[in-house]
Amino acid sequence: MKRYYPSVQVFRAVLFLFILAFHVGAPYANFGWAGVEAFFVISAFFLVRKYWGSETVTVKQQLRHRITRLYPPYIAVLIVSALYALLKKTIPFDLVTHLLSVQNFHWMLTGYHSAMQPMTAHTWTLSIEVWGGLVWLLLLKYLPKARFKTAMYGLLLLGIIYRILTIHCGASVWIVSLCPLAHFDAFACGSLLAIGFREGKAGRNVCVSGIIGVSGILACIAWMGHLYHISCLEAYQLLSSSKNYLNNWFTGNIYLFISMLAAGIVGLLYLKDERSSGSPGIIANAFVKLGDNSYNLYLFHWPILAVLKLLVHHWAVLLPLSFAASVFAALFFDRLYTFLQKKFSGGK
């Protein structure tokens, strides 16, 4: 079994570029936010692939590992965001909730309001990652293999039920989408994919998952077209706002279909890398490096974009500028963080 999968890293890079295109308002990138859901699938896939059935999983150690990986660039973003709030003569009163990764629960009650907006608007994903990762580590540690697999189907169903119930009750889009439960089916899809590979049964299921995912997404778009009496292209463009699809129990579960499609793509790329022995070419290697840094790029791109939007208003200029600035920020942070680690560890 390999330790590194370049094709999956290329997919991470593509997902980041898709998210960036959506955030700058590029034409037909209305569905770019789906990349976030795909990141959850990839995260769970590699977590479960590594630790499922392992006798050496220590929740404390693995939680520490995830925090040391996730939090340093996140804290850098929070510092910038707090300074931004102070420059606006606003007290960043919710800095503590951000540090504890409970800003999602705060935003569910306040309608996505934050003193540090718009700088931290994208950090809801980290809260999902932290709490989802904690739940999964506990399940990996304390559930036997047979029960863990069954639990994944249960949590997949829980994500669907949560969205259906909250939408049916008329909850705000923030209550529907910001709660970690609403994304547990993404983690479950990634987990079931990893289990399938462990059991040697993932081959055919990968294609089935991808086909169901694509079909479900297209069905959601078609249903939105029917509801709003518009063309499918116009319905697709409505995907840019969660208020347009989180108001119906079927289209609200587009998250499930995104997760299934992502699982199918990751599975195919995983199989490709397992069978490949060659090295990626120059262009592919550049995308691999982007994928390796996709988390930092994602964290840094939004506050950078928030500033650039004050100066530039056309997506064709914003896209390359924000991309270049995000890459520079990620590289600078990586060098600085490495330097500080060496300095405080005595140069070891």
Protein backbone atom coordinates (compact mmCIF):
# COMPACT_ATOMS: atom_id res chain seq x y z
CA MET A 1 0.00 0.00 0.00
CA LYS A 2 1.39 3.37 -1.00
CA ARG A 3 1.77 6.29 1.38
CA TYR A 4 1.36 9.05 -1.19
CA TYR A 5 -1.23 9.52 -3.91
CA PRO A 6 -0.34 12.33 -6.35
CA SER A 7 -3.55 12.04 -8.37
CA VAL A 8 -5.63 12.69 -5.26
CA GLN A 9 -3.43 15.70 -4.53
CA VAL A 10 -4.08 17.00 -8.05
CA PHE A 11 -7.79 16.62 -7.32
CA ARG A 12 -7.33 18.70 -4.15
CA ALA A 13 -5.68 21.43 -6.25
CA VAL A 14 -8.55 21.39 -8.74
CA LEU A 15 -11.05 21.64 -5.89
CA PHE A 16 -9.27 24.69 -4.50
CA LEU A 17 -9.23 26.36 -7.92
CA PHE A 18 -12.93 25.58 -8.31
CA ILE A 19 -13.68 27.16 -4.92
CA LEU A 20 -11.53 30.19 -5.77
CA ALA A 21 -13.33 30.65 -9.10
CA PHE A 22 -16.65 30.55 -7.27
CA HIS A 23 -15.54 33.11 -4.70
CA VAL A 24 -14.28 35.59 -7.31
CA GLY A 25 -17.56 35.28 -9.21
CA ALA A 26 -16.21 33.61 -12.36
CA PRO A 27 -18.90 32.69 -14.92
CA TYR A 28 -20.40 29.22 -14.51
CA ALA A 29 -18.46 28.56 -11.30
CA ASN A 30 -21.72 28.73 -9.33
CA PHE A 31 -21.18 25.19 -8.04
CA GLY A 32 -17.63 25.85 -6.82
CA TRP A 33 -18.65 25.59 -3.17
CA ALA A 34 -19.11 21.84 -3.74
CA GLY A 35 -15.34 21.55 -3.46
CA VAL A 36 -15.65 22.05 0.30
CA GLU A 37 -17.88 18.98 0.62
CA ALA A 38 -15.38 16.99 -1.47
CA PHE A 39 -12.60 18.01 0.95
CA PHE A 40 -14.59 16.46 3.81
CA VAL A 41 -14.84 13.20 1.85
CA ILE A 42 -11.07 13.15 1.18
CA SER A 43 -10.28 13.95 4.81
CA ALA A 44 -12.41 11.09 6.14
CA PHE A 45 -11.10 8.71 3.45
CA PHE A 46 -7.47 9.11 4.47
CA LEU A 47 -8.26 9.18 8.19
CA VAL A 48 -10.16 5.89 8.07
CA ARG A 49 -7.78 4.33 5.53
CA LYS A 50 -4.94 4.90 7.96
CA TYR A 51 -6.54 4.04 11.27
CA TRP A 52 -9.48 1.68 10.71
CA GLY A 53 -8.96 -1.45 12.75
CA SER A 54 -5.60 -0.20 14.03
CA GLU A 55 -4.65 -1.22 17.54
CA THR A 56 -2.40 1.82 17.92
CA VAL A 57 -4.97 4.61 17.60
CA THR A 58 -4.62 6.99 20.52
CA VAL A 59 -7.34 9.60 20.44
CA LYS A 60 -5.22 12.08 22.36
CA GLN A 61 -2.22 11.70 20.05
CA GLN A 62 -4.23 11.82 16.84
CA LEU A 63 -6.27 14.80 18.03
CA ARG A 64 -3.03 16.58 18.88
CA HIS A 65 -1.70 15.73 15.41
CA ARG A 66 -4.79 17.13 13.71
CA ILE A 67 -4.74 20.30 15.82
CA THR A 68 -1.05 20.97 15.14
CA ARG A 69 -1.75 20.50 11.42
CA LEU A 70 -4.97 22.51 11.24
CA TYR A 71 -4.52 25.32 13.74
CA PRO A 72 -1.25 27.20 13.01
CA PRO A 73 -2.40 28.72 9.67
CA TYR A 74 -5.89 29.13 11.12
CA ILE A 75 -4.56 31.18 14.04
CA ALA A 76 -2.65 33.35 11.55
CA VAL A 77 -5.95 34.05 9.78
CA LEU A 78 -7.64 34.84 13.10
CA ILE A 79 -4.91 37.33 14.04
CA VAL A 80 -5.33 39.14 10.72
CA SER A 81 -9.12 39.04 11.10
CA ALA A 82 -9.00 40.44 14.64
CA LEU A 83 -6.73 43.28 13.50
CA TYR A 84 -9.11 43.95 10.62
CA ALA A 85 -12.01 44.18 13.08
CA LEU A 86 -10.06 46.61 15.27
CA LEU A 87 -9.25 48.77 12.24
CA LYS A 88 -12.99 49.01 11.65
CA LYS A 89 -13.29 50.06 15.31
CA THR A 90 -15.15 46.85 16.11
CA ILE A 91 -14.23 44.60 19.01
CA PRO A 92 -13.65 40.98 17.82
CA PHE A 93 -15.81 39.62 20.62
CA ASP A 94 -16.16 36.20 19.00
CA LEU A 95 -12.43 35.50 18.76
CA VAL A 96 -12.74 32.93 21.56
CA THR A 97 -15.50 31.02 19.77
CA HIS A 98 -13.28 30.88 16.69
CA LEU A 99 -10.32 29.60 18.70
CA LEU A 100 -12.52 26.85 20.14
CA SER A 101 -13.93 26.06 16.66
CA VAL A 102 -17.48 26.61 17.87
CA GLN A 103 -18.16 29.63 15.66
CA ASN A 104 -20.59 27.52 13.64
CA PHE A 105 -22.85 27.04 16.64
CA HIS A 106 -22.61 30.75 17.41
CA TRP A 107 -23.47 31.66 13.82
CA MET A 108 -26.42 29.28 13.81
CA LEU A 109 -27.92 31.41 16.59
CA THR A 110 -26.90 34.82 15.27
CA GLY A 111 -27.55 34.38 11.55
CA TYR A 112 -23.92 34.05 10.51
CA HIS A 113 -22.99 37.33 12.22
CA SER A 114 -19.40 37.94 13.33
CA ALA A 115 -17.40 40.99 14.29
CA MET A 116 -14.57 39.63 12.14
CA GLN A 117 -16.61 39.24 8.97
CA PRO A 118 -16.01 38.99 6.14
CA MET A 119 -12.51 37.74 7.00
CA THR A 120 -13.57 34.54 8.76
CA ALA A 121 -16.72 33.69 6.81
CA HIS A 122 -15.05 30.62 5.28
CA THR A 123 -13.81 29.19 8.59
CA TRP A 124 -17.04 27.28 9.18
CA THR A 125 -15.36 24.44 7.32
CA LEU A 126 -12.62 24.15 9.95
CA SER A 127 -15.25 23.80 12.65
CA ILE A 128 -16.82 20.94 10.68
CA GLU A 129 -13.40 19.35 10.18
CA VAL A 130 -12.47 19.60 13.87
CA TRP A 131 -15.71 18.23 15.28
CA GLY A 132 -16.18 15.65 12.54
CA GLY A 133 -12.59 14.50 13.00
CA LEU A 134 -13.06 14.18 16.77
CA VAL A 135 -16.20 12.07 16.38
CA TRP A 136 -14.49 9.85 13.82
CA LEU A 137 -11.40 9.35 15.98
CA LEU A 138 -13.57 8.25 18.89
CA LEU A 139 -15.50 5.85 16.66
CA LEU A 140 -12.29 4.44 15.19
CA LYS A 141 -10.90 3.90 18.66
CA TYR A 142 -13.86 2.37 20.43
CA LEU A 143 -15.98 0.65 17.77
CA PRO A 144 -15.05 -2.80 16.40
CA LYS A 145 -14.78 -3.15 12.63
CA ALA A 146 -18.24 -4.60 12.02
CA ARG A 147 -20.00 -2.00 14.15
CA PHE A 148 -17.93 0.85 12.73
CA LYS A 149 -19.03 0.05 9.20
CA THR A 150 -22.66 -0.11 10.32
CA ALA A 151 -22.21 3.18 12.16
CA MET A 152 -21.06 4.82 8.92
CA TYR A 153 -24.36 3.94 7.25
CA GLY A 154 -26.18 5.26 10.31
CA LEU A 155 -24.28 8.57 10.25
CA LEU A 156 -24.85 8.88 6.52
CA LEU A 157 -28.56 8.54 7.19
CA LEU A 158 -28.30 10.99 10.11
CA GLY A 159 -26.92 13.70 7.83
CA ILE A 160 -29.83 13.24 5.43
CA ILE A 161 -32.44 13.20 8.22
CA TYR A 162 -30.98 16.32 9.83
CA ARG A 163 -31.29 18.31 6.63
CA ILE A 164 -34.78 17.04 5.87
CA LEU A 165 -36.07 17.84 9.36
CA THR A 166 -34.51 21.31 9.60
CA ILE A 167 -35.73 22.25 6.12
CA HIS A 168 -39.20 20.86 6.85
CA CYS A 169 -39.35 22.90 10.08
CA GLY A 170 -38.47 26.06 8.18
CA ALA A 171 -35.10 26.61 9.85
CA SER A 172 -32.73 29.25 8.47
CA VAL A 173 -30.13 28.14 5.95
CA TRP A 174 -27.44 28.59 8.62
CA ILE A 175 -29.06 26.05 10.94
CA VAL A 176 -29.44 23.66 8.02
CA SER A 177 -25.88 23.96 6.75
CA LEU A 178 -23.51 25.02 9.55
CA CYS A 179 -24.15 22.18 11.98
CA PRO A 180 -21.53 19.37 11.77
CA LEU A 181 -24.37 16.83 11.59
CA ALA A 182 -25.34 18.25 8.20
CA HIS A 183 -22.02 17.06 6.77
CA PHE A 184 -21.63 13.72 8.50
CA ASP A 185 -22.74 11.93 5.34
CA ALA A 186 -19.69 13.40 3.55
CA PHE A 187 -17.42 11.91 6.22
CA ALA A 188 -19.39 8.66 6.02
CA CYS A 189 -18.98 8.42 2.23
CA GLY A 190 -15.22 8.89 2.54
CA SER A 191 -15.10 6.33 5.34
CA LEU A 192 -17.09 3.70 3.44
CA LEU A 193 -14.79 4.19 0.45
CA ALA A 194 -11.75 3.56 2.65
CA ILE A 195 -13.38 0.47 4.18
CA GLY A 196 -14.22 -0.83 0.71
CA PHE A 197 -10.57 -0.63 -0.29
CA ARG A 198 -9.49 -2.31 2.94
CA GLU A 199 -11.90 -5.15 2.22
CA GLY A 200 -10.98 -5.31 -1.47
CA LYS A 201 -14.57 -4.57 -2.52
CA ALA A 202 -14.37 -0.98 -3.73
CA GLY A 203 -13.80 -1.44 -7.48
CA ARG A 204 -17.37 -1.63 -8.80
CA ASN A 205 -18.81 0.44 -5.95
CA VAL A 206 -16.61 3.39 -6.92
CA CYS A 207 -18.26 3.67 -10.33
CA VAL A 208 -21.75 3.18 -8.87
CA SER A 209 -21.14 5.92 -6.30
CA GLY A 210 -19.93 8.34 -8.98
CA ILE A 211 -22.88 7.64 -11.28
CA ILE A 212 -25.43 8.08 -8.48
CA GLY A 213 -23.68 11.29 -7.44
CA VAL A 214 -23.78 12.81 -10.94
CA SER A 215 -27.37 11.68 -11.49
CA GLY A 216 -28.46 13.12 -8.14
CA ILE A 217 -26.82 16.50 -8.78
CA LEU A 218 -28.44 16.74 -12.21
CA ALA A 219 -31.79 15.72 -10.72
CA CYS A 220 -31.49 18.48 -8.08
CA ILE A 221 -30.77 21.06 -10.78
CA ALA A 222 -33.69 19.81 -12.88
CA TRP A 223 -35.99 19.91 -9.87
CA MET A 224 -34.97 23.48 -9.09
CA GLY A 225 -35.73 24.37 -12.71
CA HIS A 226 -39.16 22.82 -12.29
CA LEU A 227 -39.86 24.60 -9.01
CA TYR A 228 -38.80 28.02 -10.28
CA HIS A 229 -40.08 27.50 -13.86
CA ILE A 230 -36.68 28.24 -15.39
CA SER A 231 -34.19 26.42 -17.62
CA CYS A 232 -31.66 23.95 -16.20
CA LEU A 233 -28.83 26.40 -16.93
CA GLU A 234 -30.63 29.11 -14.96
CA ALA A 235 -31.30 26.59 -12.19
CA TYR A 236 -27.61 25.69 -12.11
CA GLN A 237 -26.75 29.36 -11.64
CA LEU A 238 -29.07 29.46 -8.62
CA LEU A 239 -26.69 27.06 -6.87
CA SER A 240 -24.49 30.05 -6.05
CA SER A 241 -26.74 30.84 -3.06
CA SER A 242 -27.69 28.29 -0.41
CA LYS A 243 -31.03 30.05 0.04
CA ASN A 244 -32.07 28.71 -3.37
CA TYR A 245 -31.54 25.02 -2.67
CA LEU A 246 -31.74 24.66 1.12
CA ASN A 247 -35.46 25.39 1.04
CA ASN A 248 -36.53 22.00 -0.32
CA TRP A 249 -35.84 18.60 1.24
CA PHE A 250 -34.70 17.04 -2.05
CA THR A 251 -32.41 19.80 -3.35
CA GLY A 252 -31.18 20.33 0.22
CA ASN A 253 -29.68 16.86 0.04
CA ILE A 254 -27.48 17.80 -2.90
CA TYR A 255 -24.70 17.51 -0.29
CA LEU A 256 -25.19 13.74 -0.33
CA PHE A 257 -24.84 13.53 -4.11
CA ILE A 258 -21.74 15.74 -4.05
CA SER A 259 -20.22 13.43 -1.46
CA MET A 260 -21.00 10.33 -3.53
CA LEU A 261 -19.51 11.89 -6.66
CA ALA A 262 -16.41 12.95 -4.74
CA ALA A 263 -16.06 9.44 -3.31
CA GLY A 264 -16.29 8.00 -6.81
CA ILE A 265 -13.62 10.36 -8.16
CA VAL A 266 -11.29 9.80 -5.21
CA GLY A 267 -11.75 6.05 -5.56
CA LEU A 268 -10.83 6.10 -9.26
CA LEU A 269 -7.79 8.31 -8.60
CA TYR A 270 -6.73 6.07 -5.74
CA LEU A 271 -6.90 3.02 -8.01
CA LYS A 272 -4.94 4.89 -10.68
CA ASP A 273 -2.15 5.71 -8.24
CA GLU A 274 -2.10 2.18 -6.84
CA ARG A 275 -1.47 0.82 -10.33
CA SER A 276 0.94 3.54 -11.44
CA SER A 277 4.67 3.45 -10.81
CA GLY A 278 5.68 6.55 -12.75
CA SER A 279 6.26 10.09 -11.52
CA PRO A 280 3.94 12.97 -12.46
CA GLY A 281 5.05 15.33 -15.23
CA ILE A 282 6.01 18.96 -14.73
CA ILE A 283 2.46 20.33 -14.96
CA ALA A 284 0.98 17.51 -12.91
CA ASN A 285 3.71 17.97 -10.30
CA ALA A 286 2.81 21.66 -10.02
CA PHE A 287 -0.78 20.66 -9.30
CA VAL A 288 0.46 18.08 -6.79
CA LYS A 289 2.27 20.84 -4.90
CA LEU A 290 -0.88 22.96 -4.98
CA GLY A 291 -2.81 20.00 -3.62
CA ASP A 292 -0.25 19.50 -0.86
CA ASN A 293 -0.86 23.10 0.20
CA SER A 294 -4.59 23.21 -0.55
CA TYR A 295 -5.57 23.63 3.11
CA ASN A 296 -3.36 26.69 3.61
CA LEU A 297 -4.40 28.07 0.24
CA TYR A 298 -8.04 27.70 1.18
CA LEU A 299 -7.55 29.42 4.54
CA PHE A 300 -5.55 32.33 3.16
CA HIS A 301 -7.41 32.99 -0.07
CA TRP A 302 -10.58 34.37 1.50
CA PRO A 303 -9.14 37.21 3.63
CA ILE A 304 -6.85 38.08 0.70
CA LEU A 305 -9.85 38.16 -1.61
CA ALA A 306 -11.83 40.29 0.86
CA VAL A 307 -9.11 42.96 0.63
CA LEU A 308 -8.62 42.68 -3.13
CA LYS A 309 -12.36 43.11 -3.75
CA LEU A 310 -12.08 46.59 -2.30
CA LEU A 311 -9.66 47.48 -5.10
CA VAL A 312 -10.60 45.23 -8.02
CA HIS A 313 -14.12 44.38 -9.16
CA HIS A 314 -13.74 42.13 -12.21
CA TRP A 315 -13.38 38.39 -11.73
CA ALA A 316 -10.86 38.04 -14.60
CA VAL A 317 -8.43 40.25 -12.67
CA LEU A 318 -9.38 38.99 -9.22
CA LEU A 319 -8.78 35.35 -10.10
CA PRO A 320 -5.07 35.50 -11.02
CA LEU A 321 -4.32 38.16 -8.40
CA SER A 322 -5.94 36.27 -5.54
CA PHE A 323 -4.39 33.00 -6.70
CA ALA A 324 -0.88 34.47 -6.83
CA ALA A 325 -1.29 36.23 -3.49
CA SER A 326 -2.65 33.05 -1.87
CA VAL A 327 0.28 30.98 -3.13
CA PHE A 328 2.73 33.61 -1.86
CA ALA A 329 1.01 33.73 1.55
CA ALA A 330 0.99 29.93 1.83
CA LEU A 331 4.68 29.66 0.92
CA PHE A 332 5.63 32.52 3.25
CA PHE A 333 3.70 31.00 6.14
CA ASP A 334 5.23 27.57 5.50
CA ARG A 335 8.76 29.01 5.59
CA LEU A 336 8.03 31.09 8.68
CA TYR A 337 6.38 28.22 10.53
CA THR A 338 9.27 25.86 9.69
CA PHE A 339 11.77 28.47 10.88
CA LEU A 340 9.92 28.99 14.17
CA GLN A 341 9.64 25.25 14.75
CA LYS A 342 13.39 24.81 14.32
CA LYS A 343 14.15 27.80 16.49
CA PHE A 344 12.00 26.67 19.41
CA SER A 345 13.09 23.04 19.12
CA GLY A 346 16.75 23.95 19.35
CA GLY A 347 17.41 23.56 15.61
CA LYS A 348 16.51 19.86 15.60
